[in-house]
Amino acid sequence: MKARRQAALLELVERGVVTSQSRAVDLLAGLGIRATQATVSRDLDDIGAVRIRRPDGYRYGLGDPSGASAYGAPLSQVLRDF
């Protein structure tokens, strides 16, 4: 379940639609994935997503171009586990 949730969250972040953690919870719910804000917060850290300021507001994006998360697991590994 965690790998599926993180893979979905990664896709949403890559599409640039995650503006807040509560928005991520709502977007995941729309995909049939239940998650709390606290879980989404940990997942965003795990996949290496960071909050980025843009002209149209804040969005979550991938902060490390190498794909390594804060814990050292590459995003490809998260997807492979999924």
C-alpha atoms as a PDB file:
ATOM      1  CA  MET A   1       0.000   0.000   0.000  1.00  0.00           C
ATOM      2  CA  LYS A   2       2.812   2.410   0.864  1.00  0.00           C
ATOM      3  CA  ALA A   3       4.598   1.835  -2.436  1.00  0.00           C
ATOM      4  CA  ARG A   4       1.355   2.344  -4.383  1.00  0.00           C
ATOM      5  CA  ARG A   5       0.564   5.534  -2.470  1.00  0.00           C
ATOM      6  CA  GLN A   6       4.066   6.911  -2.953  1.00  0.00           C
ATOM      7  CA  ALA A   7       4.064   6.045  -6.659  1.00  0.00           C
ATOM      8  CA  ALA A   8       0.748   7.873  -7.093  1.00  0.00           C
ATOM      9  CA  LEU A   9       2.028  10.828  -5.082  1.00  0.00           C
ATOM     10  CA  LEU A  10       5.199  10.930  -7.165  1.00  0.00           C
ATOM     11  CA  GLU A  11       3.136  11.068 -10.350  1.00  0.00           C
ATOM     12  CA  LEU A  12       1.010  13.898  -8.932  1.00  0.00           C
ATOM     13  CA  VAL A  13       4.126  15.848  -7.923  1.00  0.00           C
ATOM     14  CA  GLU A  14       5.660  15.346 -11.360  1.00  0.00           C
ATOM     15  CA  ARG A  15       2.441  16.652 -12.959  1.00  0.00           C
ATOM     16  CA  GLY A  16       2.755  19.781 -10.800  1.00  0.00           C
ATOM     17  CA  VAL A  17      -0.697  19.568  -9.244  1.00  0.00           C
ATOM     18  CA  VAL A  18       0.282  19.249  -5.576  1.00  0.00           C
ATOM     19  CA  THR A  19       0.003  22.709  -4.041  1.00  0.00           C
ATOM     20  CA  SER A  20      -0.288  21.606  -0.419  1.00  0.00           C
ATOM     21  CA  GLN A  21      -0.319  18.497   1.704  1.00  0.00           C
ATOM     22  CA  SER A  22      -4.087  18.719   2.150  1.00  0.00           C
ATOM     23  CA  ARG A  23      -4.464  19.003  -1.638  1.00  0.00           C
ATOM     24  CA  ALA A  24      -2.342  15.857  -1.988  1.00  0.00           C
ATOM     25  CA  VAL A  25      -4.674  14.036   0.431  1.00  0.00           C
ATOM     26  CA  ASP A  26      -7.659  15.092  -1.704  1.00  0.00           C
ATOM     27  CA  LEU A  27      -5.960  14.119  -4.969  1.00  0.00           C
ATOM     28  CA  LEU A  28      -5.008  10.708  -3.582  1.00  0.00           C
ATOM     29  CA  ALA A  29      -8.587  10.206  -2.349  1.00  0.00           C
ATOM     30  CA  GLY A  30      -9.751  10.877  -5.900  1.00  0.00           C
ATOM     31  CA  LEU A  31      -7.567   7.960  -6.962  1.00  0.00           C
ATOM     32  CA  GLY A  32      -9.094   5.730  -4.286  1.00  0.00           C
ATOM     33  CA  ILE A  33      -6.102   5.995  -1.955  1.00  0.00           C
ATOM     34  CA  ARG A  34      -6.844   7.003   1.631  1.00  0.00           C
ATOM     35  CA  ALA A  35      -4.100   8.895   3.456  1.00  0.00           C
ATOM     36  CA  THR A  36      -3.773  11.403   6.257  1.00  0.00           C
ATOM     37  CA  GLN A  37      -1.882  14.675   6.051  1.00  0.00           C
ATOM     38  CA  ALA A  38       0.794  13.240   8.353  1.00  0.00           C
ATOM     39  CA  THR A  39       1.257  10.228   6.067  1.00  0.00           C
ATOM     40  CA  VAL A  40       1.460  12.462   2.991  1.00  0.00           C
ATOM     41  CA  SER A  41       4.044  14.615   4.760  1.00  0.00           C
ATOM     42  CA  ARG A  42       6.261  11.570   5.397  1.00  0.00           C
ATOM     43  CA  ASP A  43       5.705  10.293   1.866  1.00  0.00           C
ATOM     44  CA  LEU A  44       6.717  13.647   0.355  1.00  0.00           C
ATOM     45  CA  ASP A  45       9.943  13.451   2.368  1.00  0.00           C
ATOM     46  CA  ASP A  46      10.507   9.853   1.273  1.00  0.00           C
ATOM     47  CA  ILE A  47      10.176  10.644  -2.432  1.00  0.00           C
ATOM     48  CA  GLY A  48      12.353  13.742  -2.129  1.00  0.00           C
ATOM     49  CA  ALA A  49       9.637  16.292  -2.882  1.00  0.00           C
ATOM     50  CA  VAL A  50      10.119  19.871  -1.728  1.00  0.00           C
ATOM     51  CA  ARG A  51       7.901  22.911  -1.723  1.00  0.00           C
ATOM     52  CA  ILE A  52       8.890  25.265  -4.531  1.00  0.00           C
ATOM     53  CA  ARG A  53       7.822  28.880  -4.900  1.00  0.00           C
ATOM     54  CA  ARG A  54       6.564  29.711  -8.389  1.00  0.00           C
ATOM     55  CA  PRO A  55       4.996  32.838  -9.874  1.00  0.00           C
ATOM     56  CA  ASP A  56       1.542  31.226  -9.571  1.00  0.00           C
ATOM     57  CA  GLY A  57       2.088  30.074  -5.968  1.00  0.00           C
ATOM     58  CA  TYR A  58       3.714  27.184  -4.180  1.00  0.00           C
ATOM     59  CA  ARG A  59       3.846  23.671  -5.584  1.00  0.00           C
ATOM     60  CA  TYR A  60       5.646  20.512  -4.600  1.00  0.00           C
ATOM     61  CA  GLY A  61       8.396  19.401  -6.945  1.00  0.00           C
ATOM     62  CA  LEU A  62      11.346  17.088  -6.939  1.00  0.00           C
ATOM     63  CA  GLY A  63      14.192  18.827  -5.205  1.00  0.00           C
ATOM     64  CA  ASP A  64      17.084  16.477  -5.911  1.00  0.00           C
ATOM     65  CA  PRO A  65      17.820  15.930  -9.607  1.00  0.00           C
ATOM     66  CA  SER A  66      19.699  12.718  -8.805  1.00  0.00           C
ATOM     67  CA  GLY A  67      16.437  11.212  -7.557  1.00  0.00           C
ATOM     68  CA  ALA A  68      17.735  10.420  -4.073  1.00  0.00           C
ATOM     69  CA  SER A  69      15.311  11.014  -1.249  1.00  0.00           C
ATOM     70  CA  ALA A  70      16.217  12.429   2.131  1.00  0.00           C
ATOM     71  CA  TYR A  71      16.723   8.829   3.256  1.00  0.00           C
ATOM     72  CA  GLY A  72      18.911   7.871   0.319  1.00  0.00           C
ATOM     73  CA  ALA A  73      16.395   5.679  -1.523  1.00  0.00           C
ATOM     74  CA  PRO A  74      16.275   6.560  -5.205  1.00  0.00           C
ATOM     75  CA  LEU A  75      12.865   7.258  -6.681  1.00  0.00           C
ATOM     76  CA  SER A  76      13.441   4.451  -9.170  1.00  0.00           C
ATOM     77  CA  GLN A  77      13.584   2.065  -6.218  1.00  0.00           C
ATOM     78  CA  VAL A  78      10.241   3.345  -4.910  1.00  0.00           C
ATOM     79  CA  LEU A  79       8.717   2.786  -8.329  1.00  0.00           C
ATOM     80  CA  ARG A  80      10.348  -0.620  -8.663  1.00  0.00           C
ATOM     81  CA  ASP A  81       8.910  -1.634  -5.265  1.00  0.00           C
ATOM     82  CA  PHE A  82       5.489  -0.515  -6.450  1.00  0.00           C
END
